[in-house]
């Protein structure tokens, strides 16, 4: 039996314009996890500034993501919802872990190479050490489990390496747990409605490529009806989706929103025309997404309510964080700790 209290930490960057992919890939899972785990859900605004952010947009986007958590069903009374910068211990522990982590470890992080591109000399130092801050986010609460997608698995492995090295360096066996990835069944990979080979993204120039959480019922229906398709009827088996990315995407979205088995949805629409799938998908998406958008708008129009939730969550998070950070200071040898 583990000596650590089972605890989940997960975060979402405040990039604004949250879309269906953000909901199905992360936020919906947050709601389910709170039924089985103690959870901390963080709007990671410190991570956001690894590339320049307009300050007013950053503040608005932070409130929007927090509003999305609450509107989707996260219970901020039973669990902890906060923005990262409100808890100063994240930055403090990140510096300690910068001094524990190794350059060679960071040099292997593929996400930095992808985000920095060819001209890495112009990338911010923050973007380079971003994985160490992610490790601090997790270890500050001695989180035992972290929901991660494919693009973050490498960062979680790094967090485990850093935790182990800290424990060894400072003679504190098992001080930090080695966090485990939380696997929640097959990931829903939501692709663009205009190109089934590309991920749904807020940066796509076409507004028709994505369904945002703030789209109203008419907009959701319009975007689904205009989604790219091919001329053939829908297939009878999963094998029939090979080479048909748009069909695979729309059926996958339907299955995820209906919480149904993918093969069962393929059977449901076998031989049907896209028009039938689109009409039923539009109705389902409106049922699931439109109420979240309505509640997000209500919360966004009452920023005081969001601020109050974040303040309360930050105070609760800081209480846990300071308890851990006090021990870290003592172990490292900082006077006055």
Protein backbone atom coordinates (compact mmCIF):
# COMPACT_ATOMS: atom_id res chain seq x y z
CA UNK A 1 0.00 0.00 0.00
CA UNK A 2 1.36 3.43 -0.99
CA UNK A 3 2.37 5.86 1.76
CA UNK A 4 1.07 8.70 -0.40
CA UNK A 5 -2.51 9.90 -0.51
CA UNK A 6 -3.83 9.25 -4.04
CA UNK A 7 -3.92 12.66 -5.65
CA UNK A 8 -4.39 13.83 -9.24
CA UNK A 9 -2.97 17.04 -10.67
CA UNK A 10 -3.71 18.30 -14.15
CA UNK A 11 -3.50 21.64 -15.89
CA UNK A 12 -4.69 23.46 -18.99
CA UNK A 13 -2.93 26.39 -20.62
CA UNK A 14 -4.97 29.61 -20.83
CA UNK A 15 -4.73 29.97 -24.59
CA UNK A 16 -8.35 31.03 -25.08
CA UNK A 17 -10.89 29.86 -27.62
CA UNK A 18 -11.26 26.42 -26.02
CA UNK A 19 -12.62 23.91 -28.49
CA UNK A 20 -14.15 20.45 -28.66
CA UNK A 21 -10.71 18.82 -28.65
CA UNK A 22 -9.86 20.52 -25.33
CA UNK A 23 -13.15 19.35 -23.86
CA UNK A 24 -12.98 15.71 -24.98
CA UNK A 25 -9.22 15.43 -24.44
CA UNK A 26 -9.01 16.94 -20.97
CA UNK A 27 -11.85 18.86 -19.37
CA UNK A 28 -14.48 16.11 -19.60
CA UNK A 29 -12.04 13.71 -17.97
CA UNK A 30 -11.55 16.16 -15.09
CA UNK A 31 -15.23 15.84 -14.25
CA UNK A 32 -15.08 12.03 -14.26
CA UNK A 33 -11.87 11.86 -12.19
CA UNK A 34 -13.29 13.90 -9.32
CA UNK A 35 -15.63 11.00 -8.55
CA UNK A 36 -12.70 8.71 -7.73
CA UNK A 37 -9.72 10.88 -6.75
CA UNK A 38 -8.70 13.97 -4.80
CA UNK A 39 -8.04 16.43 -7.64
CA UNK A 40 -6.20 19.69 -8.21
CA UNK A 41 -7.02 21.41 -11.50
CA UNK A 42 -4.74 24.22 -12.47
CA UNK A 43 -4.85 26.93 -15.13
CA UNK A 44 -1.14 26.97 -15.97
CA UNK A 45 -0.56 30.66 -16.65
CA UNK A 46 3.16 30.40 -15.81
CA UNK A 47 3.54 27.88 -18.62
CA UNK A 48 1.66 30.17 -20.99
CA UNK A 49 4.29 32.93 -20.83
CA UNK A 50 7.05 30.71 -22.24
CA UNK A 51 5.97 32.54 -25.39
CA UNK A 52 4.89 36.17 -25.16
CA UNK A 53 1.27 36.76 -24.15
CA UNK A 54 -0.67 40.00 -24.28
CA UNK A 55 -1.28 40.65 -20.55
CA UNK A 56 -4.95 41.55 -20.93
CA UNK A 57 -5.58 38.48 -23.10
CA UNK A 58 -3.74 36.24 -20.64
CA UNK A 59 -5.95 37.44 -17.78
CA UNK A 60 -9.14 36.98 -19.84
CA UNK A 61 -8.07 33.55 -21.09
CA UNK A 62 -7.23 32.43 -17.55
CA UNK A 63 -10.74 33.33 -16.43
CA UNK A 64 -12.21 31.59 -19.51
CA UNK A 65 -10.44 28.30 -18.78
CA UNK A 66 -11.44 28.44 -15.11
CA UNK A 67 -15.02 29.15 -16.21
CA UNK A 68 -14.84 26.12 -18.53
CA UNK A 69 -13.78 23.87 -15.64
CA UNK A 70 -16.71 25.06 -13.54
CA UNK A 71 -19.24 25.04 -16.38
CA UNK A 72 -18.29 21.50 -17.38
CA UNK A 73 -19.02 20.23 -13.87
CA UNK A 74 -15.82 20.44 -11.82
CA UNK A 75 -16.83 20.94 -8.17
CA UNK A 76 -14.61 23.72 -6.82
CA UNK A 77 -15.85 23.08 -3.27
CA UNK A 78 -14.85 19.41 -3.12
CA UNK A 79 -11.73 19.77 -5.28
CA UNK A 80 -9.18 22.52 -5.89
CA UNK A 81 -9.37 24.85 -8.90
CA UNK A 82 -6.76 27.60 -9.13
CA UNK A 83 -4.36 29.38 -11.43
CA UNK A 84 -0.71 28.48 -11.09
CA UNK A 85 0.76 31.97 -10.61
CA UNK A 86 -1.39 32.53 -7.51
CA UNK A 87 0.66 29.87 -5.68
CA UNK A 88 4.22 31.21 -5.53
CA UNK A 89 5.65 27.85 -4.42
CA UNK A 90 5.35 26.59 -8.03
CA UNK A 91 8.06 29.03 -9.10
CA UNK A 92 10.12 28.40 -5.96
CA UNK A 93 10.20 24.63 -6.38
CA UNK A 94 10.82 25.00 -10.12
CA UNK A 95 14.10 26.80 -9.36
CA UNK A 96 15.22 24.03 -7.00
CA UNK A 97 14.33 21.43 -9.63
CA UNK A 98 16.19 23.44 -12.30
CA UNK A 99 19.25 22.76 -10.18
CA UNK A 100 18.45 19.05 -9.85
CA UNK A 101 17.51 18.40 -13.48
CA UNK A 102 20.29 17.80 -16.03
CA UNK A 103 20.91 19.56 -19.34
CA UNK A 104 21.14 16.22 -21.09
CA UNK A 105 17.66 15.30 -19.91
CA UNK A 106 16.18 18.52 -21.27
CA UNK A 107 18.07 18.17 -24.53
CA UNK A 108 16.12 14.99 -25.19
CA UNK A 109 12.71 16.68 -24.86
CA UNK A 110 11.16 16.44 -28.31
CA UNK A 111 8.41 18.98 -27.61
CA UNK A 112 10.96 21.79 -27.18
CA UNK A 113 12.50 20.91 -30.53
CA UNK A 114 9.08 21.01 -32.17
CA UNK A 115 7.96 24.28 -30.55
CA UNK A 116 11.27 26.11 -30.89
CA UNK A 117 11.64 25.14 -34.54
CA UNK A 118 14.82 25.69 -36.49
CA UNK A 119 15.90 28.90 -34.77
CA UNK A 120 16.24 27.58 -31.23
CA UNK A 121 18.63 30.39 -30.27
CA UNK A 122 15.65 32.75 -30.24
CA UNK A 123 13.45 30.53 -28.07
CA UNK A 124 12.94 31.66 -24.48
CA UNK A 125 14.82 29.94 -21.67
CA UNK A 126 11.39 29.37 -20.13
CA UNK A 127 10.34 27.23 -23.09
CA UNK A 128 13.49 25.14 -22.62
CA UNK A 129 12.99 24.54 -18.88
CA UNK A 130 9.20 24.24 -19.17
CA UNK A 131 9.39 20.49 -18.31
CA UNK A 132 11.08 21.31 -14.99
CA UNK A 133 8.21 23.64 -14.10
CA UNK A 134 5.78 20.89 -15.04
CA UNK A 135 7.66 18.57 -12.68
CA UNK A 136 7.38 21.21 -9.94
CA UNK A 137 3.62 21.48 -10.52
CA UNK A 138 3.26 17.75 -9.95
CA UNK A 139 5.74 17.21 -7.12
CA UNK A 140 4.67 20.29 -5.15
CA UNK A 141 1.47 18.43 -4.23
CA UNK A 142 3.08 14.99 -4.16
CA UNK A 143 0.61 14.05 -6.88
CA UNK A 144 0.55 10.31 -7.46
CA UNK A 145 -1.24 10.36 -10.81
CA UNK A 146 -1.22 12.70 -13.80
CA UNK A 147 -3.55 12.41 -16.81
CA UNK A 148 -1.27 12.77 -19.83
CA UNK A 149 -1.63 12.63 -23.58
CA UNK A 150 0.98 11.27 -25.94
CA UNK A 151 2.72 14.65 -26.17
CA UNK A 152 3.29 14.84 -22.40
CA UNK A 153 4.42 11.29 -21.57
CA UNK A 154 8.07 12.26 -22.00
CA UNK A 155 7.63 15.16 -19.58
CA UNK A 156 6.11 12.87 -16.96
CA UNK A 157 9.07 10.51 -17.30
CA UNK A 158 11.34 13.50 -16.69
CA UNK A 159 9.33 14.41 -13.56
CA UNK A 160 9.92 10.88 -12.28
CA UNK A 161 13.66 11.16 -12.98
CA UNK A 162 13.84 14.52 -11.20
CA UNK A 163 11.90 13.19 -8.20
CA UNK A 164 14.22 10.20 -7.91
CA UNK A 165 17.36 12.31 -8.19
CA UNK A 166 16.11 14.80 -5.58
CA UNK A 167 15.32 11.96 -3.19
CA UNK A 168 18.79 10.46 -3.74
CA UNK A 169 20.72 13.74 -3.67
CA UNK A 170 19.21 14.89 -0.38
CA UNK A 171 19.05 11.53 1.37
CA UNK A 172 15.27 11.60 1.55
CA UNK A 173 14.15 8.24 0.25
CA UNK A 174 10.56 8.36 -1.00
CA UNK A 175 10.16 12.07 -0.19
CA UNK A 176 8.66 12.72 -3.59
CA UNK A 177 6.49 9.99 -5.11
CA UNK A 178 7.24 8.85 -8.65
CA UNK A 179 4.04 10.03 -10.37
CA UNK A 180 2.21 7.56 -12.58
CA UNK A 181 0.44 8.34 -15.83
CA UNK A 182 -3.32 8.06 -15.57
CA UNK A 183 -4.70 6.18 -18.54
CA UNK A 184 -8.40 6.78 -19.16
CA UNK A 185 -9.13 4.49 -22.06
CA UNK A 186 -8.60 5.30 -25.72
CA UNK A 187 -7.82 8.96 -26.23
CA UNK A 188 -10.24 10.96 -28.36
CA UNK A 189 -8.12 12.61 -31.02
CA UNK A 190 -10.34 15.36 -32.41
CA UNK A 191 -9.37 16.50 -35.87
CA UNK A 192 -10.22 19.58 -37.93
CA UNK A 193 -13.70 19.67 -39.44
CA UNK A 194 -12.11 21.01 -42.63
CA UNK A 195 -9.20 18.56 -42.85
CA UNK A 196 -9.43 15.21 -41.08
CA UNK A 197 -5.64 14.78 -41.22
CA UNK A 198 -4.94 17.77 -38.94
CA UNK A 199 -5.75 18.23 -35.24
CA UNK A 200 -8.51 20.63 -34.33
CA UNK A 201 -6.74 23.84 -33.39
CA UNK A 202 -7.56 27.37 -32.31
CA UNK A 203 -4.84 28.66 -34.63
CA UNK A 204 -6.45 27.29 -37.81
CA UNK A 205 -7.43 30.31 -39.95
CA UNK A 206 -10.83 28.76 -40.71
CA UNK A 207 -13.41 29.21 -37.97
CA UNK A 208 -15.30 26.30 -39.57
CA UNK A 209 -12.47 23.94 -38.62
CA UNK A 210 -13.42 23.82 -34.94
CA UNK A 211 -16.33 23.82 -32.54
CA UNK A 212 -15.56 26.08 -29.61
CA UNK A 213 -17.09 25.72 -26.17
CA UNK A 214 -18.66 29.17 -26.59
CA UNK A 215 -20.40 28.34 -29.88
CA UNK A 216 -24.18 28.50 -29.59
CA UNK A 217 -26.52 25.81 -30.92
CA UNK A 218 -26.85 27.43 -34.36
CA UNK A 219 -23.09 27.74 -34.76
CA UNK A 220 -22.48 24.13 -33.70
CA UNK A 221 -25.05 22.85 -36.20
CA UNK A 222 -23.70 25.08 -38.99
CA UNK A 223 -20.11 23.94 -38.52
CA UNK A 224 -21.02 20.25 -38.45
CA UNK A 225 -23.19 20.56 -41.56
CA UNK A 226 -20.32 22.27 -43.38
CA UNK A 227 -17.73 19.69 -42.23
CA UNK A 228 -15.69 18.19 -45.05
CA UNK A 229 -16.78 14.72 -46.22
CA UNK A 230 -16.14 12.30 -49.08
CA UNK A 231 -18.69 11.02 -51.63
CA UNK A 232 -19.07 7.45 -50.36
CA UNK A 233 -21.58 6.05 -47.84
CA UNK A 234 -20.26 5.42 -44.36
CA UNK A 235 -18.42 2.10 -43.95
CA UNK A 236 -19.69 -1.03 -42.24
CA UNK A 237 -16.43 -1.85 -40.42
CA UNK A 238 -13.48 0.02 -38.91
CA UNK A 239 -11.28 -1.22 -41.75
CA UNK A 240 -13.46 0.77 -44.14
CA UNK A 241 -12.24 4.01 -42.52
CA UNK A 242 -8.73 3.58 -43.93
CA UNK A 243 -7.98 6.55 -46.13
CA UNK A 244 -11.16 8.34 -45.02
CA UNK A 245 -9.98 10.72 -42.27
CA UNK A 246 -13.09 12.90 -42.27
CA UNK A 247 -15.41 9.92 -41.83
CA UNK A 248 -13.18 8.60 -39.04
CA UNK A 249 -13.20 12.00 -37.34
CA UNK A 250 -16.97 12.56 -37.37
CA UNK A 251 -17.69 9.02 -36.20
CA UNK A 252 -15.03 9.36 -33.50
CA UNK A 253 -16.52 12.62 -32.24
CA UNK A 254 -20.00 11.04 -32.17
CA UNK A 255 -18.69 8.05 -30.20
CA UNK A 256 -16.89 10.29 -27.70
CA UNK A 257 -19.87 12.59 -27.13
CA UNK A 258 -22.25 9.62 -26.84
CA UNK A 259 -19.76 7.79 -24.59
CA UNK A 260 -20.24 4.81 -26.91
CA UNK A 261 -17.93 2.13 -28.31
CA UNK A 262 -16.41 3.20 -31.62
CA UNK A 263 -17.38 -0.04 -33.36
CA UNK A 264 -20.96 0.30 -32.14
CA UNK A 265 -21.19 3.75 -33.72
CA UNK A 266 -19.73 2.45 -36.98
CA UNK A 267 -22.45 -0.23 -36.99
CA UNK A 268 -25.11 2.35 -36.15
CA UNK A 269 -24.29 4.43 -39.24
CA UNK A 270 -23.14 1.60 -41.56
CA UNK A 271 -24.16 2.37 -45.15
CA UNK A 272 -25.72 5.72 -44.23
CA UNK A 273 -25.00 8.99 -46.01
CA UNK A 274 -22.96 11.68 -44.29
CA UNK A 275 -26.06 13.88 -44.11
CA UNK A 276 -27.67 11.49 -41.60
CA UNK A 277 -24.52 11.34 -39.45
CA UNK A 278 -24.20 15.12 -39.51
CA UNK A 279 -27.78 15.72 -38.41
CA UNK A 280 -27.51 13.27 -35.52
CA UNK A 281 -24.04 14.52 -34.57
CA UNK A 282 -25.23 18.12 -34.58
CA UNK A 283 -28.12 17.27 -32.23
CA UNK A 284 -25.79 15.35 -29.90
CA UNK A 285 -23.11 18.08 -29.88
CA UNK A 286 -25.72 20.75 -29.12
CA UNK A 287 -27.05 18.64 -26.25
CA UNK A 288 -23.59 18.16 -24.73
CA UNK A 289 -21.75 21.38 -25.57
CA UNK A 290 -24.30 24.20 -25.74
CA UNK A 291 -25.17 24.09 -21.99
CA UNK A 292 -21.47 24.38 -21.13
CA UNK A 293 -21.18 27.44 -23.36
CA UNK A 294 -24.25 29.00 -21.77
CA UNK A 295 -22.80 28.53 -18.28
CA UNK A 296 -19.37 29.78 -19.40
CA UNK A 297 -20.97 32.96 -20.72
CA UNK A 298 -22.83 33.43 -17.45
CA UNK A 299 -19.60 33.01 -15.46
CA UNK A 300 -17.58 35.19 -17.82
CA UNK A 301 -20.14 37.95 -17.36
CA UNK A 302 -19.63 37.61 -13.60
CA UNK A 303 -15.82 37.68 -13.30
CA UNK A 304 -16.10 38.15 -9.55
CA UNK A 305 -17.50 34.62 -9.20
CA UNK A 306 -14.59 33.14 -11.15
CA UNK A 307 -12.05 35.21 -9.19
CA UNK A 308 -13.61 34.07 -5.92
CA UNK A 309 -13.34 30.41 -6.95
CA UNK A 310 -9.71 30.86 -8.01
CA UNK A 311 -8.83 32.73 -4.80
CA UNK A 312 -10.37 30.05 -2.64
CA UNK A 313 -8.71 27.29 -4.64
CA UNK A 314 -5.32 29.01 -4.50
CA UNK A 315 -5.52 29.34 -0.71
CA UNK A 316 -6.22 25.61 -0.39
CA UNK A 317 -3.50 24.72 -2.89
CA UNK A 318 -0.98 26.99 -1.12
CA UNK A 319 -1.61 25.25 2.18
CA UNK A 320 -0.53 21.91 0.69
CA UNK A 321 2.28 23.52 -1.31
CA UNK A 322 3.81 25.33 1.65
CA UNK A 323 3.83 22.18 3.74
CA UNK A 324 5.84 20.39 1.04
CA UNK A 325 8.01 23.41 0.24
CA UNK A 326 8.95 23.86 3.89
CA UNK A 327 10.37 20.33 3.90
CA UNK A 328 12.16 21.00 0.59
CA UNK A 329 13.85 24.11 2.00
CA UNK A 330 14.99 22.18 5.06
CA UNK A 331 16.31 19.26 3.00
CA UNK A 332 18.22 21.56 0.63
CA UNK A 333 19.74 23.48 3.54
CA UNK A 334 18.14 26.92 3.20
CA UNK A 335 18.39 28.87 6.46
CA UNK A 336 15.20 30.19 7.97
CA UNK A 337 13.25 27.23 6.63
